[in-house]
PDB file of all heavy atoms in Angstrom:
ATOM      1  N   ILE A   1      58.050   3.675  27.576  1.00  0.00           N
ATOM      2  CA  ILE A   1      59.185   4.354  26.950  1.00  0.00           C
ATOM      3  C   ILE A   1      60.501   3.908  27.589  1.00  0.00           C
ATOM      4  O   ILE A   1      61.480   3.610  26.893  1.00  0.00           O
ATOM      5  CB  ILE A   1      59.014   5.879  27.051  1.00  0.00           C
ATOM      6  CG1 ILE A   1      57.830   6.342  26.204  1.00  0.00           C
ATOM      7  CG2 ILE A   1      60.288   6.604  26.610  1.00  0.00           C
ATOM      8  CD1 ILE A   1      57.444   7.791  26.429  1.00  0.00           C
ATOM      9  N   ILE A   2      60.513   3.844  28.915  1.00  0.00           N
ATOM     10  CA  ILE A   2      61.724   3.399  29.620  1.00  0.00           C
ATOM     11  C   ILE A   2      62.059   1.959  29.243  1.00  0.00           C
ATOM     12  O   ILE A   2      63.226   1.612  29.006  1.00  0.00           O
ATOM     13  CB  ILE A   2      61.537   3.541  31.140  1.00  0.00           C
ATOM     14  CG1 ILE A   2      61.466   5.021  31.528  1.00  0.00           C
ATOM     15  CG2 ILE A   2      62.667   2.850  31.895  1.00  0.00           C
ATOM     16  CD1 ILE A   2      61.138   5.255  32.981  1.00  0.00           C
ATOM     17  N   GLY A   3      61.038   1.114  29.148  1.00  0.00           N
ATOM     18  CA  GLY A   3      61.258  -0.277  28.753  1.00  0.00           C
ATOM     19  C   GLY A   3      61.852  -0.389  27.361  1.00  0.00           C
ATOM     20  O   GLY A   3      62.756  -1.204  27.120  1.00  0.00           O
ATOM     21  N   LEU A   4      61.360   0.428  26.449  1.00  0.00           N
ATOM     22  CA  LEU A   4      61.883   0.407  25.080  1.00  0.00           C
ATOM     23  C   LEU A   4      63.339   0.879  25.034  1.00  0.00           C
ATOM     24  O   LEU A   4      64.156   0.332  24.291  1.00  0.00           O
ATOM     25  CB  LEU A   4      61.011   1.283  24.176  1.00  0.00           C
ATOM     26  CG  LEU A   4      59.604   0.756  23.899  1.00  0.00           C
ATOM     27  CD1 LEU A   4      58.791   1.785  23.119  1.00  0.00           C
ATOM     28  CD2 LEU A   4      59.665  -0.569  23.135  1.00  0.00           C
ATOM     29  N   ILE A   5      63.650   1.912  25.849  1.00  0.00           N
ATOM     30  CA  ILE A   5      65.037   2.401  25.895  1.00  0.00           C
ATOM     31  C   ILE A   5      65.971   1.308  26.416  1.00  0.00           C
ATOM     32  O   ILE A   5      67.036   1.044  25.830  1.00  0.00           O
ATOM     33  CB  ILE A   5      65.133   3.656  26.787  1.00  0.00           C
ATOM     34  CG1 ILE A   5      64.395   4.827  26.142  1.00  0.00           C
ATOM     35  CG2 ILE A   5      66.600   4.030  27.026  1.00  0.00           C
ATOM     36  CD1 ILE A   5      64.304   6.056  27.033  1.00  0.00           C
ATOM     37  N   VAL A   6      65.573   0.635  27.492  1.00  0.00           N
ATOM     38  CA  VAL A   6      66.406  -0.425  28.070  1.00  0.00           C
ATOM     39  C   VAL A   6      66.557  -1.587  27.099  1.00  0.00           C
ATOM     40  O   VAL A   6      67.667  -2.121  26.907  1.00  0.00           O
ATOM     41  CB  VAL A   6      65.801  -0.900  29.406  1.00  0.00           C
ATOM     42  CG1 VAL A   6      66.549  -2.128  29.929  1.00  0.00           C
ATOM     43  CG2 VAL A   6      65.841   0.217  30.435  1.00  0.00           C
ATOM     44  N   GLN A   7      65.451  -1.965  26.470  1.00  0.00           N
ATOM     45  CA  GLN A   7      65.509  -3.080  25.526  1.00  0.00           C
ATOM     46  C   GLN A   7      66.419  -2.763  24.339  1.00  0.00           C
ATOM     47  O   GLN A   7      67.227  -3.602  23.911  1.00  0.00           O
ATOM     48  CB  GLN A   7      64.101  -3.416  25.026  1.00  0.00           C
ATOM     49  CG  GLN A   7      64.059  -4.630  24.108  1.00  0.00           C
ATOM     50  CD  GLN A   7      62.648  -4.958  23.651  1.00  0.00           C
ATOM     51  OE1 GLN A   7      61.754  -4.116  23.726  1.00  0.00           O
ATOM     52  NE2 GLN A   7      62.438  -6.173  23.173  1.00  0.00           N
ATOM     53  N   ALA A   8      66.295  -1.535  23.816  1.00  0.00           N
ATOM     54  CA  ALA A   8      67.146  -1.139  22.697  1.00  0.00           C
ATOM     55  C   ALA A   8      68.612  -1.109  23.107  1.00  0.00           C
ATOM     56  O   ALA A   8      69.504  -1.489  22.343  1.00  0.00           O
ATOM     57  CB  ALA A   8      66.709   0.225  22.176  1.00  0.00           C
ATOM     58  N   ALA A   9      68.883  -0.658  24.350  1.00  0.00           N
ATOM     59  CA  ALA A   9      70.268  -0.598  24.832  1.00  0.00           C
ATOM     60  C   ALA A   9      70.851  -1.996  25.005  1.00  0.00           C
ATOM     61  O   ALA A   9      72.035  -2.221  24.738  1.00  0.00           O
ATOM     62  CB  ALA A   9      70.327   0.166  26.143  1.00  0.00           C
ATOM     63  N   VAL A  10      70.025  -2.944  25.442  1.00  0.00           N
ATOM     64  CA  VAL A  10      70.483  -4.328  25.608  1.00  0.00           C
ATOM     65  C   VAL A  10      70.814  -4.948  24.256  1.00  0.00           C
ATOM     66  O   VAL A  10      71.786  -5.717  24.110  1.00  0.00           O
ATOM     67  CB  VAL A  10      69.416  -5.157  26.346  1.00  0.00           C
ATOM     68  CG1 VAL A  10      69.750  -6.641  26.316  1.00  0.00           C
ATOM     69  CG2 VAL A  10      69.284  -4.684  27.785  1.00  0.00           C
ATOM     70  N   MET A  11      70.025  -4.620  23.249  1.00  0.00           N
ATOM     71  CA  MET A  11      70.229  -5.180  21.920  1.00  0.00           C
ATOM     72  C   MET A  11      71.400  -4.546  21.186  1.00  0.00           C
ATOM     73  O   MET A  11      71.951  -5.141  20.259  1.00  0.00           O
ATOM     74  CB  MET A  11      68.957  -4.989  21.081  1.00  0.00           C
ATOM     75  CG  MET A  11      67.764  -5.784  21.558  1.00  0.00           C
ATOM     76  SD  MET A  11      66.270  -5.340  20.647  1.00  0.00           S
ATOM     77  CE  MET A  11      66.801  -5.644  18.953  1.00  0.00           C
ATOM     78  N   LEU A  12      71.794  -3.332  21.605  1.00  0.00           N
ATOM     79  CA  LEU A  12      72.798  -2.561  20.864  1.00  0.00           C
ATOM     80  C   LEU A  12      74.126  -3.294  20.672  1.00  0.00           C
ATOM     81  O   LEU A  12      74.673  -3.308  19.556  1.00  0.00           O
ATOM     82  CB  LEU A  12      73.030  -1.227  21.572  1.00  0.00           C
ATOM     83  CG  LEU A  12      73.640  -0.103  20.740  1.00  0.00           C
ATOM     84  CD1 LEU A  12      72.818   0.193  19.500  1.00  0.00           C
ATOM     85  CD2 LEU A  12      73.790   1.156  21.589  1.00  0.00           C
ATOM     86  N   PRO A  13      74.700  -3.939  21.719  1.00  0.00           N
ATOM     87  CA  PRO A  13      75.996  -4.610  21.520  1.00  0.00           C
ATOM     88  C   PRO A  13      75.929  -5.760  20.514  1.00  0.00           C
ATOM     89  O   PRO A  13      76.949  -6.135  19.929  1.00  0.00           O
ATOM     90  CB  PRO A  13      76.344  -5.140  22.916  1.00  0.00           C
ATOM     91  CG  PRO A  13      75.561  -4.282  23.852  1.00  0.00           C
ATOM     92  CD  PRO A  13      74.291  -3.986  23.132  1.00  0.00           C
ATOM     93  N   GLY A  14      74.751  -6.316  20.299  1.00  0.00           N
ATOM     94  CA  GLY A  14      74.616  -7.438  19.379  1.00  0.00           C
ATOM     95  C   GLY A  14      74.407  -7.041  17.934  1.00  0.00           C
ATOM     96  O   GLY A  14      74.304  -7.910  17.059  1.00  0.00           O
ATOM     97  N   LEU A  15      74.328  -5.740  17.665  1.00  0.00           N
ATOM     98  CA  LEU A  15      74.130  -5.278  16.295  1.00  0.00           C
ATOM     99  C   LEU A  15      75.404  -5.458  15.478  1.00  0.00           C
ATOM    100  O   LEU A  15      76.516  -5.428  16.018  1.00  0.00           O
ATOM    101  CB  LEU A  15      73.725  -3.806  16.289  1.00  0.00           C
ATOM    102  CG  LEU A  15      72.339  -3.465  16.853  1.00  0.00           C
ATOM    103  CD1 LEU A  15      72.155  -1.960  16.868  1.00  0.00           C
ATOM    104  CD2 LEU A  15      71.236  -4.123  16.034  1.00  0.00           C
ATOM    105  N   PRO A  16      75.266  -5.624  14.158  1.00  0.00           N
ATOM    106  CA  PRO A  16      76.449  -5.674  13.299  1.00  0.00           C
ATOM    107  C   PRO A  16      77.284  -4.406  13.440  1.00  0.00           C
ATOM    108  O   PRO A  16      76.753  -3.338  13.752  1.00  0.00           O
ATOM    109  CB  PRO A  16      75.853  -5.790  11.893  1.00  0.00           C
ATOM    110  CG  PRO A  16      74.490  -6.358  12.100  1.00  0.00           C
ATOM    111  CD  PRO A  16      74.027  -5.831  13.430  1.00  0.00           C
ATOM    112  N   GLU A  17      78.573  -4.520  13.193  1.00  0.00           N
ATOM    113  CA  GLU A  17      79.480  -3.387  13.408  1.00  0.00           C
ATOM    114  C   GLU A  17      79.103  -2.172  12.577  1.00  0.00           C
ATOM    115  O   GLU A  17      79.256  -1.027  13.014  1.00  0.00           O
ATOM    116  CB  GLU A  17      80.920  -3.817  13.063  1.00  0.00           C
ATOM    117  CG  GLU A  17      81.926  -3.283  14.083  1.00  0.00           C
ATOM    118  CD  GLU A  17      83.312  -3.797  13.820  1.00  0.00           C
ATOM    119  OE1 GLU A  17      83.568  -4.957  14.186  1.00  0.00           O
ATOM    120  OE2 GLU A  17      84.101  -3.031  13.237  1.00  0.00           O
ATOM    121  N   ARG A  18      78.576  -2.413  11.370  1.00  0.00           N
ATOM    122  CA  ARG A  18      78.238  -1.296  10.491  1.00  0.00           C
ATOM    123  C   ARG A  18      77.063  -0.472  11.036  1.00  0.00           C
ATOM    124  O   ARG A  18      76.841   0.662  10.606  1.00  0.00           O
ATOM    125  CB  ARG A  18      77.897  -1.815   9.085  1.00  0.00           C
ATOM    126  CG  ARG A  18      76.748  -2.790   9.062  1.00  0.00           C
ATOM    127  CD  ARG A  18      76.570  -3.449   7.693  1.00  0.00           C
ATOM    128  NE  ARG A  18      75.558  -4.465   7.705  1.00  0.00           N
ATOM    129  CZ  ARG A  18      74.265  -4.227   7.589  1.00  0.00           C
ATOM    130  NH1 ARG A  18      73.834  -2.971   7.449  1.00  0.00           N
ATOM    131  NH2 ARG A  18      73.392  -5.217   7.629  1.00  0.00           N
ATOM    132  N   LEU A  19      76.306  -1.048  11.986  1.00  0.00           N
ATOM    133  CA  LEU A  19      75.171  -0.323  12.561  1.00  0.00           C
ATOM    134  C   LEU A  19      75.507   0.332  13.902  1.00  0.00           C
ATOM    135  O   LEU A  19      74.685   1.057  14.463  1.00  0.00           O
ATOM    136  CB  LEU A  19      73.989  -1.283  12.748  1.00  0.00           C
ATOM    137  CG  LEU A  19      73.410  -1.917  11.479  1.00  0.00           C
ATOM    138  CD1 LEU A  19      72.300  -2.885  11.852  1.00  0.00           C
ATOM    139  CD2 LEU A  19      72.887  -0.844  10.522  1.00  0.00           C
ATOM    140  N   GLN A  20      76.694   0.062  14.409  1.00  0.00           N
ATOM    141  CA  GLN A  20      77.045   0.555  15.737  1.00  0.00           C
ATOM    142  C   GLN A  20      77.149   2.079  15.805  1.00  0.00           C
ATOM    143  O   GLN A  20      76.924   2.673  16.858  1.00  0.00           O
ATOM    144  CB  GLN A  20      78.385  -0.056  16.183  1.00  0.00           C
ATOM    145  CG  GLN A  20      78.317  -1.552  16.453  1.00  0.00           C
ATOM    146  CD  GLN A  20      77.598  -1.883  17.747  1.00  0.00           C
ATOM    147  OE1 GLN A  20      77.497  -1.039  18.624  1.00  0.00           O
ATOM    148  NE2 GLN A  20      77.085  -3.101  17.852  1.00  0.00           N
ATOM    149  N   ASP A  21      77.515   2.699  14.688  1.00  0.00           N
ATOM    150  CA  ASP A  21      77.717   4.155  14.698  1.00  0.00           C
ATOM    151  C   ASP A  21      76.641   4.912  13.928  1.00  0.00           C
ATOM    152  O   ASP A  21      76.844   6.057  13.516  1.00  0.00           O
ATOM    153  CB  ASP A  21      79.097   4.494  14.106  1.00  0.00           C
ATOM    154  CG  ASP A  21      80.236   3.947  14.956  1.00  0.00           C
ATOM    155  OD1 ASP A  21      80.095   3.970  16.197  1.00  0.00           O
ATOM    156  OD2 ASP A  21      81.242   3.482  14.382  1.00  0.00           O
ATOM    157  N   THR A  22      75.515   4.304  13.729  1.00  0.00           N
ATOM    158  CA  THR A  22      74.423   4.983  13.034  1.00  0.00           C
ATOM    159  C   THR A  22      73.736   5.976  13.971  1.00  0.00           C
ATOM    160  O   THR A  22      73.928   5.957  15.192  1.00  0.00           O
ATOM    161  CB  THR A  22      73.389   3.959  12.535  1.00  0.00           C
ATOM    162  OG1 THR A  22      72.847   3.266  13.667  1.00  0.00           O
ATOM    163  CG2 THR A  22      74.035   2.972  11.570  1.00  0.00           C
ATOM    164  N   GLY A  23      72.912   6.838  13.394  1.00  0.00           N
ATOM    165  CA  GLY A  23      72.171   7.810  14.199  1.00  0.00           C
ATOM    166  C   GLY A  23      71.237   7.145  15.179  1.00  0.00           C
ATOM    167  O   GLY A  23      71.045   7.632  16.304  1.00  0.00           O
ATOM    168  N   TRP A  24      70.655   6.002  14.782  1.00  0.00           N
ATOM    169  CA  TRP A  24      69.746   5.283  15.680  1.00  0.00           C
ATOM    170  C   TRP A  24      70.492   4.797  16.913  1.00  0.00           C
ATOM    171  O   TRP A  24      70.020   4.929  18.038  1.00  0.00           O
ATOM    172  CB  TRP A  24      69.131   4.101  14.938  1.00  0.00           C
ATOM    173  CG  TRP A  24      68.214   3.275  15.798  1.00  0.00           C
ATOM    174  CD1 TRP A  24      66.899   3.507  16.065  1.00  0.00           C
ATOM    175  CD2 TRP A  24      68.571   2.085  16.522  1.00  0.00           C
ATOM    176  NE1 TRP A  24      66.404   2.546  16.906  1.00  0.00           N
ATOM    177  CE2 TRP A  24      67.399   1.659  17.211  1.00  0.00           C
ATOM    178  CE3 TRP A  24      69.740   1.355  16.659  1.00  0.00           C
ATOM    179  CZ2 TRP A  24      67.384   0.524  18.002  1.00  0.00           C
ATOM    180  CZ3 TRP A  24      69.732   0.214  17.460  1.00  0.00           C
ATOM    181  CH2 TRP A  24      68.559  -0.185  18.130  1.00  0.00           C
ATOM    182  N   ALA A  25      71.692   4.222  16.700  1.00  0.00           N
ATOM    183  CA  ALA A  25      72.483   3.714  17.817  1.00  0.00           C
ATOM    184  C   ALA A  25      72.910   4.854  18.743  1.00  0.00           C
ATOM    185  O   ALA A  25      72.901   4.712  19.976  1.00  0.00           O
ATOM    186  CB  ALA A  25      73.704   2.969  17.289  1.00  0.00           C
ATOM    187  N   THR A  26      73.286   5.981  18.163  1.00  0.00           N
ATOM    188  CA  THR A  26      73.666   7.143  18.970  1.00  0.00           C
ATOM    189  C   THR A  26      72.494   7.630  19.811  1.00  0.00           C
ATOM    190  O   THR A  26      72.653   7.985  20.982  1.00  0.00           O
ATOM    191  CB  THR A  26      74.166   8.279  18.060  1.00  0.00           C
ATOM    192  OG1 THR A  26      75.281   7.805  17.294  1.00  0.00           O
ATOM    193  CG2 THR A  26      74.581   9.486  18.874  1.00  0.00           C
ATOM    194  N   ALA A  27      71.308   7.636  19.211  1.00  0.00           N
ATOM    195  CA  ALA A  27      70.107   8.064  19.937  1.00  0.00           C
ATOM    196  C   ALA A  27      69.813   7.133  21.102  1.00  0.00           C
ATOM    197  O   ALA A  27      69.437   7.578  22.195  1.00  0.00           O
ATOM    198  CB  ALA A  27      68.916   8.120  18.986  1.00  0.00           C
ATOM    199  N   VAL A  28      69.995   5.830  20.887  1.00  0.00           N
ATOM    200  CA  VAL A  28      69.745   4.863  21.961  1.00  0.00           C
ATOM    201  C   VAL A  28      70.739   5.063  23.095  1.00  0.00           C
ATOM    202  O   VAL A  28      70.366   5.061  24.279  1.00  0.00           O
ATOM    203  CB  VAL A  28      69.824   3.423  21.419  1.00  0.00           C
ATOM    204  CG1 VAL A  28      69.805   2.417  22.568  1.00  0.00           C
ATOM    205  CG2 VAL A  28      68.667   3.148  20.470  1.00  0.00           C
ATOM    206  N   ARG A  29      72.006   5.259  22.763  1.00  0.00           N
ATOM    207  CA  ARG A  29      73.016   5.489  23.802  1.00  0.00           C
ATOM    208  C   ARG A  29      72.704   6.756  24.599  1.00  0.00           C
ATOM    209  O   ARG A  29      72.815   6.770  25.833  1.00  0.00           O
ATOM    210  CB  ARG A  29      74.405   5.603  23.164  1.00  0.00           C
ATOM    211  CG  ARG A  29      74.946   4.304  22.590  1.00  0.00           C
ATOM    212  CD  ARG A  29      76.424   4.426  22.235  1.00  0.00           C
ATOM    213  NE  ARG A  29      76.860   3.299  21.423  1.00  0.00           N
ATOM    214  CZ  ARG A  29      76.936   3.315  20.104  1.00  0.00           C
ATOM    215  NH1 ARG A  29      76.612   4.402  19.427  1.00  0.00           N
ATOM    216  NH2 ARG A  29      77.348   2.237  19.447  1.00  0.00           N
ATOM    217  N   SER A  30      72.332   7.811  23.886  1.00  0.00           N
ATOM    218  CA  SER A  30      72.009   9.073  24.560  1.00  0.00           C
ATOM    219  C   SER A  30      70.803   8.907  25.478  1.00  0.00           C
ATOM    220  O   SER A  30      70.786   9.435  26.599  1.00  0.00           O
ATOM    221  CB  SER A  30      71.738  10.165  23.528  1.00  0.00           C
ATOM    222  OG  SER A  30      72.862  10.373  22.699  1.00  0.00           O
ATOM    223  N   ALA A  31      69.777   8.181  24.994  1.00  0.00           N
ATOM    224  CA  ALA A  31      68.582   7.954  25.808  1.00  0.00           C
ATOM    225  C   ALA A  31      68.913   7.144  27.052  1.00  0.00           C
ATOM    226  O   ALA A  31      68.391   7.403  28.142  1.00  0.00           O
ATOM    227  CB  ALA A  31      67.512   7.250  24.979  1.00  0.00           C
ATOM    228  N   LEU A  32      69.808   6.146  26.906  1.00  0.00           N
ATOM    229  CA  LEU A  32      70.186   5.327  28.053  1.00  0.00           C
ATOM    230  C   LEU A  32      70.970   6.147  29.075  1.00  0.00           C
ATOM    231  O   LEU A  32      70.735   6.042  30.287  1.00  0.00           O
ATOM    232  CB  LEU A  32      71.025   4.138  27.597  1.00  0.00           C
ATOM    233  CG  LEU A  32      71.474   3.181  28.713  1.00  0.00           C
ATOM    234  CD1 LEU A  32      70.264   2.566  29.418  1.00  0.00           C
ATOM    235  CD2 LEU A  32      72.395   2.100  28.168  1.00  0.00           C
ATOM    236  N   ILE A  33      71.885   6.997  28.609  1.00  0.00           N
ATOM    237  CA  ILE A  33      72.639   7.861  29.513  1.00  0.00           C
ATOM    238  C   ILE A  33      71.688   8.809  30.248  1.00  0.00           C
ATOM    239  O   ILE A  33      71.801   9.023  31.459  1.00  0.00           O
ATOM    240  CB  ILE A  33      73.708   8.650  28.744  1.00  0.00           C
ATOM    241  CG1 ILE A  33      74.790   7.698  28.219  1.00  0.00           C
ATOM    242  CG2 ILE A  33      74.337   9.721  29.633  1.00  0.00           C
ATOM    243  CD1 ILE A  33      75.773   8.353  27.274  1.00  0.00           C
ATOM    244  N   GLY A  34      70.726   9.367  29.488  1.00  0.00           N
ATOM    245  CA  GLY A  34      69.733  10.246  30.109  1.00  0.00           C
ATOM    246  C   GLY A  34      68.917   9.521  31.158  1.00  0.00           C
ATOM    247  O   GLY A  34      68.604  10.084  32.215  1.00  0.00           O
ATOM    248  N   LEU A  35      68.586   8.254  30.883  1.00  0.00           N
ATOM    249  CA  LEU A  35      67.822   7.459  31.839  1.00  0.00           C
ATOM    250  C   LEU A  35      68.622   7.218  33.118  1.00  0.00           C
ATOM    251  O   LEU A  35      68.097   7.321  34.234  1.00  0.00           O
ATOM    252  CB  LEU A  35      67.432   6.125  31.196  1.00  0.00           C
ATOM    253  CG  LEU A  35      66.533   5.186  32.004  1.00  0.00           C
ATOM    254  CD1 LEU A  35      65.213   5.864  32.337  1.00  0.00           C
ATOM    255  CD2 LEU A  35      66.308   3.890  31.240  1.00  0.00           C
ATOM    256  N   LEU A  36      69.913   6.915  32.962  1.00  0.00           N
ATOM    257  CA  LEU A  36      70.757   6.656  34.128  1.00  0.00           C
ATOM    258  C   LEU A  36      70.992   7.914  34.957  1.00  0.00           C
ATOM    259  O   LEU A  36      71.139   7.846  36.185  1.00  0.00           O
ATOM    260  CB  LEU A  36      72.101   6.080  33.667  1.00  0.00           C
ATOM    261  CG  LEU A  36      72.054   4.699  32.997  1.00  0.00           C
ATOM    262  CD1 LEU A  36      73.422   4.319  32.459  1.00  0.00           C
ATOM    263  CD2 LEU A  36      71.550   3.641  33.977  1.00  0.00           C
TER     264      LEU A  36
END
């Protein structure tokens, strides 16, 4: 689970701009903050 969170967070900046503010992206950011 931790690996998936880190991998998703690493991929996040490379997503198209229209996907940056989706619910999925918000969930990944929240999970990464929780991990830190």
